[in-house]
Amino acid sequence: MAHPESDPGSAGSDLERLMLKAREAQAANPIEDEPVKTPNLLVLGVVAIVLVLTSLAIHFFWPVS
């Protein structure tokens, strides 16, 4: 049973109306981008060195049975 105010093509127009309202709301109050924080290369370098040294220590000092 169809609603009296709806017609067969109303689904598309409802979607278009909602999208238009969303665009208007976003234009009125835009969302600002957060500043991008660059990764700390010193921390990443220290982690990489620790992992390499751990790998080398396991390779050379692990007892072979």
PDB file of N, CA and C in Angstrom:
ATOM      1  N   MET A   1       0.843  -1.170   0.000  1.00  0.00           N
ATOM      2  CA  MET A   1       0.000   0.000   0.000  1.00  0.00           C
ATOM      3  C   MET A   1       0.892   1.237   0.000  1.00  0.00           C
ATOM      4  N   ALA A   2       0.714   2.101  -0.963  1.00  0.00           N
ATOM      5  CA  ALA A   2       1.553   3.281  -1.116  1.00  0.00           C
ATOM      6  C   ALA A   2       1.053   4.416  -0.228  1.00  0.00           C
ATOM      7  N   HIS A   3       1.997   5.247   0.194  1.00  0.00           N
ATOM      8  CA  HIS A   3       1.619   6.428   0.956  1.00  0.00           C
ATOM      9  C   HIS A   3       1.005   7.446   0.011  1.00  0.00           C
ATOM     10  N   PRO A   4       0.044   8.230   0.472  1.00  0.00           N
ATOM     11  CA  PRO A   4      -0.619   9.166  -0.433  1.00  0.00           C
ATOM     12  C   PRO A   4       0.311  10.254  -0.967  1.00  0.00           C
ATOM     13  N   GLU A   5       1.337  10.667  -0.184  1.00  0.00           N
ATOM     14  CA  GLU A   5       2.198  11.744  -0.639  1.00  0.00           C
ATOM     15  C   GLU A   5       3.355  11.241  -1.514  1.00  0.00           C
ATOM     16  N   SER A   6       3.511   9.928  -1.625  1.00  0.00           N
ATOM     17  CA  SER A   6       4.632   9.419  -2.403  1.00  0.00           C
ATOM     18  C   SER A   6       4.172   9.000  -3.786  1.00  0.00           C
ATOM     19  N   ASP A   7       5.054   9.192  -4.746  1.00  0.00           N
ATOM     20  CA  ASP A   7       4.795   8.719  -6.102  1.00  0.00           C
ATOM     21  C   ASP A   7       5.910   7.758  -6.470  1.00  0.00           C
ATOM     22  N   PRO A   8       5.843   7.047  -7.605  1.00  0.00           N
ATOM     23  CA  PRO A   8       6.857   6.040  -7.921  1.00  0.00           C
ATOM     24  C   PRO A   8       8.281   6.567  -7.979  1.00  0.00           C
ATOM     25  N   GLY A   9       8.483   7.805  -8.369  1.00  0.00           N
ATOM     26  CA  GLY A   9       9.839   8.340  -8.476  1.00  0.00           C
ATOM     27  C   GLY A   9      10.285   9.108  -7.257  1.00  0.00           C
ATOM     28  N   SER A  10       9.572   9.016  -6.133  1.00  0.00           N
ATOM     29  CA  SER A  10       9.906   9.840  -4.971  1.00  0.00           C
ATOM     30  C   SER A  10      11.166   9.370  -4.256  1.00  0.00           C
ATOM     31  N   ALA A  11      11.550   8.118  -4.396  1.00  0.00           N
ATOM     32  CA  ALA A  11      12.752   7.634  -3.705  1.00  0.00           C
ATOM     33  C   ALA A  11      13.982   8.386  -4.202  1.00  0.00           C
ATOM     34  N   GLY A  12      14.087   8.575  -5.497  1.00  0.00           N
ATOM     35  CA  GLY A  12      15.222   9.315  -6.045  1.00  0.00           C
ATOM     36  C   GLY A  12      15.190  10.770  -5.629  1.00  0.00           C
ATOM     37  N   SER A  13      14.014  11.399  -5.652  1.00  0.00           N
ATOM     38  CA  SER A  13      13.937  12.811  -5.278  1.00  0.00           C
ATOM     39  C   SER A  13      14.184  12.988  -3.779  1.00  0.00           C
ATOM     40  N   ASP A  14      13.755  12.025  -2.960  1.00  0.00           N
ATOM     41  CA  ASP A  14      14.041  12.102  -1.523  1.00  0.00           C
ATOM     42  C   ASP A  14      15.537  12.039  -1.281  1.00  0.00           C
ATOM     43  N   LEU A  15      16.200  11.140  -1.992  1.00  0.00           N
ATOM     44  CA  LEU A  15      17.646  11.022  -1.849  1.00  0.00           C
ATOM     45  C   LEU A  15      18.335  12.307  -2.296  1.00  0.00           C
ATOM     46  N   GLU A  16      17.908  12.848  -3.405  1.00  0.00           N
ATOM     47  CA  GLU A  16      18.495  14.100  -3.893  1.00  0.00           C
ATOM     48  C   GLU A  16      18.247  15.237  -2.907  1.00  0.00           C
ATOM     49  N   ARG A  17      17.056  15.280  -2.326  1.00  0.00           N
ATOM     50  CA  ARG A  17      16.741  16.332  -1.351  1.00  0.00           C
ATOM     51  C   ARG A  17      17.619  16.197  -0.109  1.00  0.00           C
ATOM     52  N   LEU A  18      17.800  14.970   0.375  1.00  0.00           N
ATOM     53  CA  LEU A  18      18.656  14.750   1.549  1.00  0.00           C
ATOM     54  C   LEU A  18      20.113  15.097   1.255  1.00  0.00           C
ATOM     55  N   MET A  19      20.586  14.726   0.068  1.00  0.00           N
ATOM     56  CA  MET A  19      21.969  15.038  -0.301  1.00  0.00           C
ATOM     57  C   MET A  19      22.170  16.546  -0.431  1.00  0.00           C
ATOM     58  N   LEU A  20      21.169  17.243  -0.978  1.00  0.00           N
ATOM     59  CA  LEU A  20      21.258  18.693  -1.105  1.00  0.00           C
ATOM     60  C   LEU A  20      21.292  19.348   0.270  1.00  0.00           C
ATOM     61  N   LYS A  21      20.462  18.869   1.192  1.00  0.00           N
ATOM     62  CA  LYS A  21      20.465  19.416   2.548  1.00  0.00           C
ATOM     63  C   LYS A  21      21.812  19.161   3.231  1.00  0.00           C
ATOM     64  N   ALA A  22      22.391  17.984   3.007  1.00  0.00           N
ATOM     65  CA  ALA A  22      23.692  17.667   3.613  1.00  0.00           C
ATOM     66  C   ALA A  22      24.781  18.568   3.042  1.00  0.00           C
ATOM     67  N   ARG A  23      24.749  18.814   1.731  1.00  0.00           N
ATOM     68  CA  ARG A  23      25.747  19.703   1.123  1.00  0.00           C
ATOM     69  C   ARG A  23      25.622  21.121   1.664  1.00  0.00           C
ATOM     70  N   GLU A  24      24.369  21.590   1.807  1.00  0.00           N
ATOM     71  CA  GLU A  24      24.155  22.932   2.348  1.00  0.00           C
ATOM     72  C   GLU A  24      24.657  23.027   3.787  1.00  0.00           C
ATOM     73  N   ALA A  25      24.400  22.011   4.588  1.00  0.00           N
ATOM     74  CA  ALA A  25      24.852  22.018   5.982  1.00  0.00           C
ATOM     75  C   ALA A  25      26.373  21.992   6.057  1.00  0.00           C
ATOM     76  N   GLN A  26      27.007  21.230   5.168  1.00  0.00           N
ATOM     77  CA  GLN A  26      28.463  21.166   5.179  1.00  0.00           C
ATOM     78  C   GLN A  26      29.065  22.482   4.693  1.00  0.00           C
ATOM     79  N   ALA A  27      28.430  23.132   3.728  1.00  0.00           N
ATOM     80  CA  ALA A  27      28.924  24.421   3.239  1.00  0.00           C
ATOM     81  C   ALA A  27      28.773  25.488   4.313  1.00  0.00           C
ATOM     82  N   ALA A  28      27.710  25.411   5.106  1.00  0.00           N
ATOM     83  CA  ALA A  28      27.492  26.394   6.162  1.00  0.00           C
ATOM     84  C   ALA A  28      28.445  26.191   7.330  1.00  0.00           C
ATOM     85  N   ASN A  29      28.787  24.949   7.615  1.00  0.00           N
ATOM     86  CA  ASN A  29      29.656  24.652   8.753  1.00  0.00           C
ATOM     87  C   ASN A  29      30.660  23.590   8.324  1.00  0.00           C
ATOM     88  N   PRO A  30      31.711  23.971   7.579  1.00  0.00           N
ATOM     89  CA  PRO A  30      32.646  22.960   7.075  1.00  0.00           C
ATOM     90  C   PRO A  30      33.505  22.357   8.191  1.00  0.00           C
ATOM     91  N   ILE A  31      33.889  21.128   7.982  1.00  0.00           N
ATOM     92  CA  ILE A  31      34.763  20.435   8.931  1.00  0.00           C
ATOM     93  C   ILE A  31      36.201  20.742   8.548  1.00  0.00           C
ATOM     94  N   GLU A  32      36.956  21.253   9.495  1.00  0.00           N
ATOM     95  CA  GLU A  32      38.349  21.599   9.222  1.00  0.00           C
ATOM     96  C   GLU A  32      39.222  20.355   9.373  1.00  0.00           C
ATOM     97  N   ASP A  33      40.217  20.245   8.496  1.00  0.00           N
ATOM     98  CA  ASP A  33      41.148  19.124   8.575  1.00  0.00           C
ATOM     99  C   ASP A  33      42.075  19.303   9.773  1.00  0.00           C
ATOM    100  N   GLU A  34      42.363  18.189  10.440  1.00  0.00           N
ATOM    101  CA  GLU A  34      43.292  18.245  11.552  1.00  0.00           C
ATOM    102  C   GLU A  34      44.708  18.341  11.010  1.00  0.00           C
ATOM    103  N   PRO A  35      45.591  19.062  11.695  1.00  0.00           N
ATOM    104  CA  PRO A  35      46.972  19.123  11.233  1.00  0.00           C
ATOM    105  C   PRO A  35      47.622  17.744  11.307  1.00  0.00           C
ATOM    106  N   VAL A  36      48.384  17.413  10.289  1.00  0.00           N
ATOM    107  CA  VAL A  36      49.019  16.100  10.217  1.00  0.00           C
ATOM    108  C   VAL A  36      50.335  16.159  10.985  1.00  0.00           C
ATOM    109  N   LYS A  37      50.494  15.251  11.922  1.00  0.00           N
ATOM    110  CA  LYS A  37      51.718  15.195  12.711  1.00  0.00           C
ATOM    111  C   LYS A  37      52.679  14.234  12.024  1.00  0.00           C
ATOM    112  N   THR A  38      53.873  14.711  11.720  1.00  0.00           N
ATOM    113  CA  THR A  38      54.854  13.867  11.052  1.00  0.00           C
ATOM    114  C   THR A  38      55.428  12.860  12.047  1.00  0.00           C
ATOM    115  N   PRO A  39      55.790  11.673  11.584  1.00  0.00           N
ATOM    116  CA  PRO A  39      56.337  10.674  12.497  1.00  0.00           C
ATOM    117  C   PRO A  39      57.721  11.087  12.982  1.00  0.00           C
ATOM    118  N   ASN A  40      58.035  10.688  14.186  1.00  0.00           N
ATOM    119  CA  ASN A  40      59.329  11.000  14.768  1.00  0.00           C
ATOM    120  C   ASN A  40      60.333   9.961  14.273  1.00  0.00           C
ATOM    121  N   LEU A  41      61.233  10.387  13.384  1.00  0.00           N
ATOM    122  CA  LEU A  41      62.177   9.453  12.778  1.00  0.00           C
ATOM    123  C   LEU A  41      63.207   8.941  13.780  1.00  0.00           C
ATOM    124  N   LEU A  42      63.505   9.711  14.814  1.00  0.00           N
ATOM    125  CA  LEU A  42      64.458   9.253  15.821  1.00  0.00           C
ATOM    126  C   LEU A  42      63.913   8.029  16.556  1.00  0.00           C
ATOM    127  N   VAL A  43      62.658   8.062  16.927  1.00  0.00           N
ATOM    128  CA  VAL A  43      62.040   6.932  17.628  1.00  0.00           C
ATOM    129  C   VAL A  43      62.002   5.711  16.711  1.00  0.00           C
ATOM    130  N   LEU A  44      61.596   5.916  15.448  1.00  0.00           N
ATOM    131  CA  LEU A  44      61.545   4.802  14.508  1.00  0.00           C
ATOM    132  C   LEU A  44      62.940   4.221  14.258  1.00  0.00           C
ATOM    133  N   GLY A  45      63.947   5.073  14.189  1.00  0.00           N
ATOM    134  CA  GLY A  45      65.317   4.599  14.003  1.00  0.00           C
ATOM    135  C   GLY A  45      65.808   3.777  15.183  1.00  0.00           C
ATOM    136  N   VAL A  46      65.506   4.219  16.385  1.00  0.00           N
ATOM    137  CA  VAL A  46      65.914   3.479  17.590  1.00  0.00           C
ATOM    138  C   VAL A  46      65.226   2.122  17.634  1.00  0.00           C
ATOM    139  N   VAL A  47      63.950   2.077  17.310  1.00  0.00           N
ATOM    140  CA  VAL A  47      63.219   0.811  17.290  1.00  0.00           C
ATOM    141  C   VAL A  47      63.819  -0.122  16.246  1.00  0.00           C
ATOM    142  N   ALA A  48      64.145   0.400  15.067  1.00  0.00           N
ATOM    143  CA  ALA A  48      64.737  -0.419  14.010  1.00  0.00           C
ATOM    144  C   ALA A  48      66.089  -0.978  14.448  1.00  0.00           C
ATOM    145  N   ILE A  49      66.916  -0.166  15.068  1.00  0.00           N
ATOM    146  CA  ILE A  49      68.240  -0.627  15.527  1.00  0.00           C
ATOM    147  C   ILE A  49      68.085  -1.703  16.596  1.00  0.00           C
ATOM    148  N   VAL A  50      67.164  -1.524  17.526  1.00  0.00           N
ATOM    149  CA  VAL A  50      66.940  -2.523  18.574  1.00  0.00           C
ATOM    150  C   VAL A  50      66.485  -3.840  17.959  1.00  0.00           C
ATOM    151  N   LEU A  51      65.604  -3.782  16.979  1.00  0.00           N
ATOM    152  CA  LEU A  51      65.141  -5.017  16.339  1.00  0.00           C
ATOM    153  C   LEU A  51      66.260  -5.716  15.572  1.00  0.00           C
ATOM    154  N   VAL A  52      67.091  -4.961  14.885  1.00  0.00           N
ATOM    155  CA  VAL A  52      68.214  -5.560  14.152  1.00  0.00           C
ATOM    156  C   VAL A  52      69.205  -6.179  15.122  1.00  0.00           C
ATOM    157  N   LEU A  53      69.535  -5.486  16.198  1.00  0.00           N
ATOM    158  CA  LEU A  53      70.474  -6.033  17.179  1.00  0.00           C
ATOM    159  C   LEU A  53      69.899  -7.280  17.862  1.00  0.00           C
ATOM    160  N   THR A  54      68.624  -7.285  18.135  1.00  0.00           N
ATOM    161  CA  THR A  54      67.994  -8.472  18.723  1.00  0.00           C
ATOM    162  C   THR A  54      68.058  -9.639  17.751  1.00  0.00           C
ATOM    163  N   SER A  55      67.796  -9.383  16.485  1.00  0.00           N
ATOM    164  CA  SER A  55      67.870 -10.437  15.481  1.00  0.00           C
ATOM    165  C   SER A  55      69.285 -10.989  15.359  1.00  0.00           C
ATOM    166  N   LEU A  56      70.267 -10.104  15.354  1.00  0.00           N
ATOM    167  CA  LEU A  56      71.661 -10.559  15.275  1.00  0.00           C
ATOM    168  C   LEU A  56      72.066 -11.341  16.522  1.00  0.00           C
ATOM    169  N   ALA A  57      71.635 -10.904  17.678  1.00  0.00           N
ATOM    170  CA  ALA A  57      71.965 -11.609  18.908  1.00  0.00           C
ATOM    171  C   ALA A  57      71.338 -13.005  18.901  1.00  0.00           C
ATOM    172  N   ILE A  58      70.122 -13.134  18.445  1.00  0.00           N
ATOM    173  CA  ILE A  58      69.497 -14.447  18.370  1.00  0.00           C
ATOM    174  C   ILE A  58      70.235 -15.320  17.369  1.00  0.00           C
ATOM    175  N   HIS A  59      70.619 -14.738  16.242  1.00  0.00           N
ATOM    176  CA  HIS A  59      71.307 -15.499  15.205  1.00  0.00           C
ATOM    177  C   HIS A  59      72.653 -16.031  15.693  1.00  0.00           C
ATOM    178  N   PHE A  60      73.433 -15.213  16.368  1.00  0.00           N
ATOM    179  CA  PHE A  60      74.786 -15.619  16.749  1.00  0.00           C
ATOM    180  C   PHE A  60      74.863 -16.308  18.107  1.00  0.00           C
ATOM    181  N   PHE A  61      73.995 -16.029  19.048  1.00  0.00           N
ATOM    182  CA  PHE A  61      74.128 -16.542  20.400  1.00  0.00           C
ATOM    183  C   PHE A  61      73.106 -17.602  20.771  1.00  0.00           C
ATOM    184  N   TRP A  62      72.165 -17.933  19.900  1.00  0.00           N
ATOM    185  CA  TRP A  62      71.181 -18.973  20.209  1.00  0.00           C
ATOM    186  C   TRP A  62      71.885 -20.331  20.137  1.00  0.00           C
ATOM    187  N   PRO A  63      71.797 -21.121  21.167  1.00  0.00           N
ATOM    188  CA  PRO A  63      72.489 -22.412  21.109  1.00  0.00           C
ATOM    189  C   PRO A  63      71.844 -23.347  20.095  1.00  0.00           C
ATOM    190  N   VAL A  64      72.681 -23.928  19.261  1.00  0.00           N
ATOM    191  CA  VAL A  64      72.200 -24.865  18.255  1.00  0.00           C
ATOM    192  C   VAL A  64      72.272 -26.257  18.844  1.00  0.00           C
ATOM    193  N   SER A  65      71.219 -27.017  18.766  1.00  0.00           N
ATOM    194  CA  SER A  65      71.224 -28.359  19.364  1.00  0.00           C
ATOM    195  C   SER A  65      71.707 -29.400  18.394  1.00  0.00           C
TER     196      SER A  65
END
